[in-house]
Amino acid sequence: MEHAGRVRELRVALTVKDFDTAVAFYRDALGLQEVLSWDSTHGRGLILTAGRATLELLSSGEAEYVDQIEVGQRVGAQIRLGAEVEDSEAVAGDLQKAGAEMLAPPRTTPWSHRSVRLSTPEGLQLTLFTPISGP
C-alpha cells in the first residue's frame, strides 16, 4: 500500500497552562514563525511553523541510550521535541532566559551533533541540535 505523500503536515498540539509564557518561549525565544492565531470565547490559539517536521520513533532501549548521551542519565520523557538550530548552545542560552531549564551541559553526540537538552516551561523535554561539519 502506497503511503508516500499522504500526510502534508505533522502538527503537535500542546495544551499550556500559561499561554503568554508559551508564546514568548516558542515564538519569541525559539523563533518559530507564526502562521495563524485566534482569540475566541473559548480561549486562545496559535499555530507556529518550524519548517520540516519529522516523527522519530524510538524503542525504550534506544531512548535510554539517547538520554545517556545527551543528559548522562535516563530522564524518561515519552515525548521529546527536537529542533535543529544553527547554534544549539546560543539558542539554549536564549531559552534559559525565557524559562527553560538546562538538563545537561552541551554535548557532542556519536551522530555528530552538538546537542543540548532542556526542559521547557511546560515540562516538555527539548533537544536542540546542531550538526557538526568536517572531521
N, C-alpha and C. Protein backbone atom coordinates (compact mmCIF):
# COMPACT_ATOMS: atom_id res chain seq x y z
N MET A 1 0.85 -1.18 0.00
CA MET A 1 0.00 0.00 0.00
C MET A 1 0.89 1.24 0.00
N GLU A 2 0.68 2.15 -0.88
CA GLU A 2 1.48 3.37 -1.03
C GLU A 2 1.00 4.43 -0.04
N HIS A 3 1.94 4.93 0.76
CA HIS A 3 1.62 5.98 1.74
C HIS A 3 2.37 7.27 1.49
N ALA A 4 3.33 7.27 0.60
CA ALA A 4 4.13 8.47 0.35
C ALA A 4 3.23 9.62 -0.09
N GLY A 5 3.41 10.75 0.54
CA GLY A 5 2.66 11.93 0.16
C GLY A 5 1.27 12.04 0.77
N ARG A 6 0.85 11.09 1.57
CA ARG A 6 -0.48 11.13 2.16
C ARG A 6 -0.60 12.26 3.20
N VAL A 7 0.40 12.40 4.03
CA VAL A 7 0.38 13.43 5.07
C VAL A 7 1.12 14.65 4.56
N ARG A 8 0.49 15.79 4.61
CA ARG A 8 1.10 17.04 4.14
C ARG A 8 1.70 17.86 5.27
N GLU A 9 1.22 17.65 6.48
CA GLU A 9 1.72 18.41 7.63
C GLU A 9 1.58 17.54 8.86
N LEU A 10 2.59 17.56 9.72
CA LEU A 10 2.52 16.91 11.03
C LEU A 10 2.39 18.02 12.05
N ARG A 11 1.34 17.98 12.83
CA ARG A 11 1.09 19.04 13.81
C ARG A 11 1.05 18.43 15.21
N VAL A 12 1.79 19.02 16.12
CA VAL A 12 1.75 18.66 17.53
C VAL A 12 0.96 19.74 18.24
N ALA A 13 -0.09 19.36 18.95
CA ALA A 13 -0.91 20.32 19.70
C ALA A 13 -0.51 20.25 21.16
N LEU A 14 -0.08 21.37 21.69
CA LEU A 14 0.41 21.45 23.06
C LEU A 14 -0.55 22.30 23.88
N THR A 15 -1.18 21.72 24.89
CA THR A 15 -2.05 22.46 25.80
C THR A 15 -1.18 23.03 26.91
N VAL A 16 -1.25 24.34 27.10
CA VAL A 16 -0.38 25.01 28.06
C VAL A 16 -1.20 25.72 29.14
N LYS A 17 -0.64 25.81 30.33
CA LYS A 17 -1.32 26.50 31.43
C LYS A 17 -1.17 28.01 31.30
N ASP A 18 0.00 28.45 30.86
CA ASP A 18 0.27 29.89 30.73
C ASP A 18 0.53 30.19 29.25
N PHE A 19 -0.51 30.61 28.56
CA PHE A 19 -0.43 30.83 27.11
C PHE A 19 0.62 31.88 26.76
N ASP A 20 0.64 33.00 27.47
CA ASP A 20 1.58 34.07 27.15
C ASP A 20 3.03 33.62 27.31
N THR A 21 3.31 32.85 28.36
CA THR A 21 4.67 32.34 28.57
C THR A 21 5.05 31.38 27.44
N ALA A 22 4.11 30.54 27.04
CA ALA A 22 4.39 29.60 25.95
C ALA A 22 4.66 30.33 24.63
N VAL A 23 3.88 31.38 24.35
CA VAL A 23 4.10 32.17 23.14
C VAL A 23 5.48 32.83 23.19
N ALA A 24 5.81 33.40 24.34
CA ALA A 24 7.12 34.05 24.48
C ALA A 24 8.25 33.04 24.30
N PHE A 25 8.05 31.82 24.78
CA PHE A 25 9.09 30.80 24.68
C PHE A 25 9.24 30.29 23.25
N TYR A 26 8.16 29.77 22.67
CA TYR A 26 8.25 29.11 21.37
C TYR A 26 8.35 30.08 20.19
N ARG A 27 7.60 31.16 20.21
CA ARG A 27 7.64 32.11 19.10
C ARG A 27 8.80 33.09 19.26
N ASP A 28 8.86 33.74 20.41
CA ASP A 28 9.81 34.84 20.58
C ASP A 28 11.23 34.35 20.86
N ALA A 29 11.41 33.40 21.78
CA ALA A 29 12.75 32.95 22.14
C ALA A 29 13.29 31.89 21.18
N LEU A 30 12.48 30.87 20.87
CA LEU A 30 12.95 29.80 19.96
C LEU A 30 12.91 30.26 18.51
N GLY A 31 11.98 31.15 18.18
CA GLY A 31 11.95 31.73 16.84
C GLY A 31 11.05 31.01 15.85
N LEU A 32 10.09 30.22 16.34
CA LEU A 32 9.14 29.61 15.41
C LEU A 32 8.28 30.71 14.80
N GLN A 33 7.90 30.54 13.55
CA GLN A 33 7.17 31.57 12.82
C GLN A 33 5.66 31.39 12.99
N GLU A 34 4.97 32.49 13.28
CA GLU A 34 3.52 32.46 13.46
C GLU A 34 2.83 32.31 12.11
N VAL A 35 1.90 31.34 12.05
CA VAL A 35 1.11 31.10 10.84
C VAL A 35 -0.30 31.64 11.03
N LEU A 36 -0.88 31.40 12.21
CA LEU A 36 -2.26 31.77 12.46
C LEU A 36 -2.44 31.89 13.97
N SER A 37 -3.23 32.89 14.38
CA SER A 37 -3.58 33.00 15.80
C SER A 37 -5.04 33.37 15.91
N TRP A 38 -5.64 33.05 17.04
CA TRP A 38 -7.05 33.39 17.26
C TRP A 38 -7.31 33.57 18.75
N ASP A 39 -8.36 34.31 19.02
CA ASP A 39 -8.83 34.59 20.36
C ASP A 39 -10.35 34.45 20.30
N SER A 40 -10.89 33.47 21.01
CA SER A 40 -12.33 33.21 20.94
C SER A 40 -12.91 33.23 22.35
N THR A 41 -14.18 33.01 22.44
CA THR A 41 -14.82 32.94 23.76
C THR A 41 -14.35 31.72 24.54
N HIS A 42 -13.78 30.73 23.85
CA HIS A 42 -13.29 29.52 24.49
C HIS A 42 -11.85 29.65 24.97
N GLY A 43 -11.10 30.52 24.36
CA GLY A 43 -9.69 30.67 24.70
C GLY A 43 -8.88 31.17 23.52
N ARG A 44 -7.59 30.96 23.60
CA ARG A 44 -6.67 31.46 22.59
C ARG A 44 -5.92 30.31 21.94
N GLY A 45 -5.48 30.55 20.71
CA GLY A 45 -4.71 29.55 19.99
C GLY A 45 -3.71 30.20 19.07
N LEU A 46 -2.70 29.44 18.72
CA LEU A 46 -1.62 29.94 17.88
C LEU A 46 -1.02 28.74 17.15
N ILE A 47 -0.81 28.89 15.85
CA ILE A 47 -0.11 27.87 15.08
C ILE A 47 1.23 28.46 14.66
N LEU A 48 2.27 27.73 14.97
CA LEU A 48 3.64 28.13 14.64
C LEU A 48 4.22 27.11 13.67
N THR A 49 5.07 27.56 12.79
CA THR A 49 5.72 26.63 11.87
C THR A 49 7.20 26.53 12.21
N ALA A 50 7.71 25.33 12.00
CA ALA A 50 9.12 25.08 12.29
C ALA A 50 9.83 24.49 11.09
N GLY A 51 9.30 24.72 9.92
CA GLY A 51 9.93 24.14 8.73
C GLY A 51 9.52 22.70 8.57
N ARG A 52 10.44 21.85 8.24
CA ARG A 52 10.18 20.43 8.00
C ARG A 52 9.88 19.73 9.33
N ALA A 53 8.86 18.88 9.35
CA ALA A 53 8.52 18.11 10.54
C ALA A 53 8.85 16.64 10.32
N THR A 54 9.36 16.00 11.34
CA THR A 54 9.61 14.57 11.31
C THR A 54 9.06 13.95 12.58
N LEU A 55 8.78 12.68 12.55
CA LEU A 55 8.36 11.92 13.71
C LEU A 55 9.41 10.86 13.94
N GLU A 56 10.09 10.92 15.06
CA GLU A 56 11.16 9.98 15.38
C GLU A 56 10.60 8.95 16.36
N LEU A 57 10.62 7.69 15.98
CA LEU A 57 10.15 6.61 16.84
C LEU A 57 11.36 5.88 17.41
N LEU A 58 11.37 5.72 18.74
CA LEU A 58 12.50 5.06 19.40
C LEU A 58 11.99 3.94 20.29
N SER A 59 12.69 2.81 20.30
CA SER A 59 12.39 1.78 21.27
C SER A 59 12.84 2.28 22.65
N SER A 60 12.39 1.64 23.71
CA SER A 60 12.79 2.05 25.06
C SER A 60 14.31 2.02 25.23
N GLY A 61 14.93 0.99 24.69
CA GLY A 61 16.38 0.88 24.80
C GLY A 61 17.11 2.00 24.08
N GLU A 62 16.63 2.36 22.89
CA GLU A 62 17.27 3.45 22.14
C GLU A 62 17.04 4.78 22.84
N ALA A 63 15.83 5.00 23.39
CA ALA A 63 15.55 6.24 24.12
C ALA A 63 16.47 6.37 25.33
N GLU A 64 16.70 5.26 26.01
CA GLU A 64 17.61 5.27 27.16
C GLU A 64 19.03 5.61 26.71
N TYR A 65 19.47 5.05 25.59
CA TYR A 65 20.79 5.34 25.05
C TYR A 65 20.93 6.83 24.71
N VAL A 66 19.93 7.41 24.05
CA VAL A 66 19.97 8.82 23.68
C VAL A 66 20.00 9.68 24.95
N ASP A 67 19.20 9.34 25.95
CA ASP A 67 19.22 10.08 27.22
C ASP A 67 20.62 10.03 27.84
N GLN A 68 21.24 8.86 27.83
CA GLN A 68 22.59 8.72 28.39
C GLN A 68 23.57 9.63 27.66
N ILE A 69 23.47 9.69 26.34
CA ILE A 69 24.37 10.52 25.54
C ILE A 69 24.12 12.00 25.82
N GLU A 70 22.85 12.42 25.78
CA GLU A 70 22.53 13.84 25.85
C GLU A 70 22.47 14.39 27.27
N VAL A 71 22.13 13.55 28.25
CA VAL A 71 21.93 14.05 29.61
C VAL A 71 22.84 13.36 30.63
N GLY A 72 23.27 12.13 30.33
CA GLY A 72 24.10 11.41 31.27
C GLY A 72 23.32 10.45 32.16
N GLN A 73 22.01 10.42 32.01
CA GLN A 73 21.16 9.51 32.77
C GLN A 73 19.80 9.40 32.08
N ARG A 74 19.03 8.41 32.47
CA ARG A 74 17.68 8.24 31.91
C ARG A 74 16.77 9.31 32.50
N VAL A 75 16.12 10.08 31.65
CA VAL A 75 15.20 11.11 32.10
C VAL A 75 13.76 10.79 31.71
N GLY A 76 13.57 9.75 30.94
CA GLY A 76 12.29 9.11 30.75
C GLY A 76 11.14 9.87 30.15
N ALA A 77 11.37 10.80 29.26
CA ALA A 77 10.26 11.50 28.63
C ALA A 77 9.68 10.64 27.51
N GLN A 78 8.37 10.46 27.52
CA GLN A 78 7.75 9.72 26.42
C GLN A 78 7.74 10.57 25.16
N ILE A 79 7.57 11.88 25.33
CA ILE A 79 7.59 12.79 24.19
C ILE A 79 8.71 13.80 24.41
N ARG A 80 9.56 13.92 23.41
CA ARG A 80 10.64 14.89 23.45
C ARG A 80 10.63 15.62 22.12
N LEU A 81 10.68 16.94 22.17
CA LEU A 81 10.77 17.73 20.95
C LEU A 81 12.24 17.86 20.58
N GLY A 82 12.51 17.98 19.31
CA GLY A 82 13.86 18.21 18.83
C GLY A 82 13.84 19.33 17.81
N ALA A 83 14.85 20.18 17.86
CA ALA A 83 14.92 21.28 16.91
C ALA A 83 16.35 21.45 16.43
N GLU A 84 16.54 21.37 15.11
CA GLU A 84 17.84 21.67 14.54
C GLU A 84 17.97 23.18 14.45
N VAL A 85 19.04 23.71 15.04
CA VAL A 85 19.28 25.15 15.06
C VAL A 85 20.72 25.41 14.62
N GLU A 86 20.99 26.65 14.28
CA GLU A 86 22.32 27.00 13.79
C GLU A 86 23.39 26.89 14.89
N ASP A 87 23.05 27.26 16.13
CA ASP A 87 23.98 27.23 17.25
C ASP A 87 23.23 26.78 18.49
N SER A 88 23.29 25.49 18.78
CA SER A 88 22.50 24.93 19.88
C SER A 88 22.83 25.56 21.23
N GLU A 89 24.09 25.88 21.46
CA GLU A 89 24.47 26.46 22.76
C GLU A 89 23.92 27.87 22.92
N ALA A 90 23.99 28.67 21.87
CA ALA A 90 23.47 30.04 21.94
C ALA A 90 21.96 30.04 22.11
N VAL A 91 21.27 29.19 21.34
CA VAL A 91 19.81 29.13 21.45
C VAL A 91 19.42 28.62 22.83
N ALA A 92 20.16 27.66 23.36
CA ALA A 92 19.87 27.16 24.71
C ALA A 92 19.97 28.28 25.74
N GLY A 93 20.97 29.14 25.59
CA GLY A 93 21.09 30.29 26.50
C GLY A 93 19.89 31.21 26.41
N ASP A 94 19.44 31.47 25.19
CA ASP A 94 18.25 32.31 25.00
C ASP A 94 17.02 31.66 25.63
N LEU A 95 16.89 30.36 25.46
CA LEU A 95 15.72 29.67 26.00
C LEU A 95 15.76 29.58 27.53
N GLN A 96 16.95 29.51 28.10
CA GLN A 96 17.05 29.55 29.56
C GLN A 96 16.54 30.89 30.07
N LYS A 97 16.89 31.96 29.40
CA LYS A 97 16.39 33.29 29.79
C LYS A 97 14.88 33.37 29.66
N ALA A 98 14.30 32.54 28.78
CA ALA A 98 12.85 32.53 28.56
C ALA A 98 12.14 31.51 29.44
N GLY A 99 12.86 30.88 30.35
CA GLY A 99 12.23 29.99 31.32
C GLY A 99 12.56 28.52 31.22
N ALA A 100 13.39 28.11 30.27
CA ALA A 100 13.77 26.70 30.16
C ALA A 100 14.83 26.35 31.20
N GLU A 101 14.88 25.09 31.55
CA GLU A 101 15.90 24.58 32.47
C GLU A 101 16.82 23.66 31.68
N MET A 102 18.13 23.89 31.77
CA MET A 102 19.09 23.03 31.09
C MET A 102 19.23 21.74 31.91
N LEU A 103 19.02 20.60 31.26
CA LEU A 103 19.11 19.32 31.94
C LEU A 103 20.54 18.79 31.97
N ALA A 104 21.36 19.23 31.04
CA ALA A 104 22.76 18.81 30.98
C ALA A 104 23.50 19.82 30.13
N PRO A 105 24.81 19.96 30.37
CA PRO A 105 25.57 20.87 29.52
C PRO A 105 25.63 20.36 28.09
N PRO A 106 25.97 21.23 27.13
CA PRO A 106 26.07 20.82 25.73
C PRO A 106 27.03 19.65 25.56
N ARG A 107 26.68 18.75 24.65
CA ARG A 107 27.49 17.55 24.41
C ARG A 107 27.60 17.30 22.91
N THR A 108 28.70 16.68 22.53
CA THR A 108 28.87 16.21 21.17
C THR A 108 28.45 14.76 21.14
N THR A 109 27.52 14.43 20.25
CA THR A 109 26.97 13.07 20.19
C THR A 109 27.76 12.21 19.22
N PRO A 110 27.61 10.88 19.32
CA PRO A 110 28.25 9.99 18.36
C PRO A 110 27.72 10.17 16.94
N TRP A 111 26.56 10.79 16.78
CA TRP A 111 25.99 11.02 15.45
C TRP A 111 26.33 12.42 14.94
N SER A 112 27.40 13.01 15.51
CA SER A 112 27.98 14.28 15.05
C SER A 112 27.03 15.47 15.14
N HIS A 113 26.38 15.58 16.28
CA HIS A 113 25.59 16.76 16.61
C HIS A 113 26.15 17.38 17.88
N ARG A 114 26.03 18.68 17.97
CA ARG A 114 26.27 19.37 19.24
C ARG A 114 24.88 19.57 19.82
N SER A 115 24.57 18.84 20.90
CA SER A 115 23.21 18.79 21.44
C SER A 115 23.14 19.37 22.84
N VAL A 116 21.99 19.98 23.13
CA VAL A 116 21.69 20.49 24.46
C VAL A 116 20.27 20.06 24.79
N ARG A 117 20.08 19.43 25.94
CA ARG A 117 18.74 19.00 26.37
C ARG A 117 18.22 19.98 27.41
N LEU A 118 17.00 20.45 27.18
CA LEU A 118 16.34 21.40 28.06
C LEU A 118 14.98 20.87 28.49
N SER A 119 14.45 21.45 29.55
CA SER A 119 13.06 21.24 29.94
C SER A 119 12.37 22.58 29.72
N THR A 120 11.28 22.56 28.94
CA THR A 120 10.56 23.80 28.63
C THR A 120 9.75 24.25 29.84
N PRO A 121 9.22 25.48 29.80
CA PRO A 121 8.39 25.93 30.93
C PRO A 121 7.20 25.00 31.21
N GLU A 122 6.72 24.25 30.20
CA GLU A 122 5.61 23.31 30.41
C GLU A 122 6.10 21.95 30.89
N GLY A 123 7.42 21.76 30.96
CA GLY A 123 7.96 20.49 31.40
C GLY A 123 8.25 19.50 30.29
N LEU A 124 8.10 19.92 29.03
CA LEU A 124 8.48 19.05 27.91
C LEU A 124 10.00 19.06 27.77
N GLN A 125 10.54 17.94 27.32
CA GLN A 125 11.97 17.92 27.03
C GLN A 125 12.18 18.37 25.59
N LEU A 126 13.22 19.16 25.41
CA LEU A 126 13.56 19.71 24.10
C LEU A 126 15.05 19.52 23.87
N THR A 127 15.40 18.84 22.79
CA THR A 127 16.79 18.72 22.38
C THR A 127 17.04 19.72 21.27
N LEU A 128 17.99 20.61 21.49
CA LEU A 128 18.48 21.49 20.44
C LEU A 128 19.72 20.83 19.87
N PHE A 129 19.81 20.74 18.55
CA PHE A 129 20.99 20.11 17.97
C PHE A 129 21.48 20.88 16.76
N THR A 130 22.80 20.87 16.65
CA THR A 130 23.48 21.50 15.52
C THR A 130 24.40 20.46 14.91
N PRO A 131 24.18 20.07 13.66
CA PRO A 131 25.09 19.12 13.01
C PRO A 131 26.49 19.72 12.94
N ILE A 132 27.46 18.88 13.21
CA ILE A 132 28.86 19.29 13.16
C ILE A 132 29.40 18.93 11.79
N SER A 133 29.95 19.90 11.10
CA SER A 133 30.51 19.61 9.78
C SER A 133 32.01 19.45 9.91
N GLY A 134 32.57 18.71 9.00
CA GLY A 134 34.01 18.49 8.99
C GLY A 134 34.41 17.25 9.77
N PRO A 135 35.72 17.01 9.90
CA PRO A 135 36.20 15.79 10.57
C PRO A 135 36.00 15.81 12.06
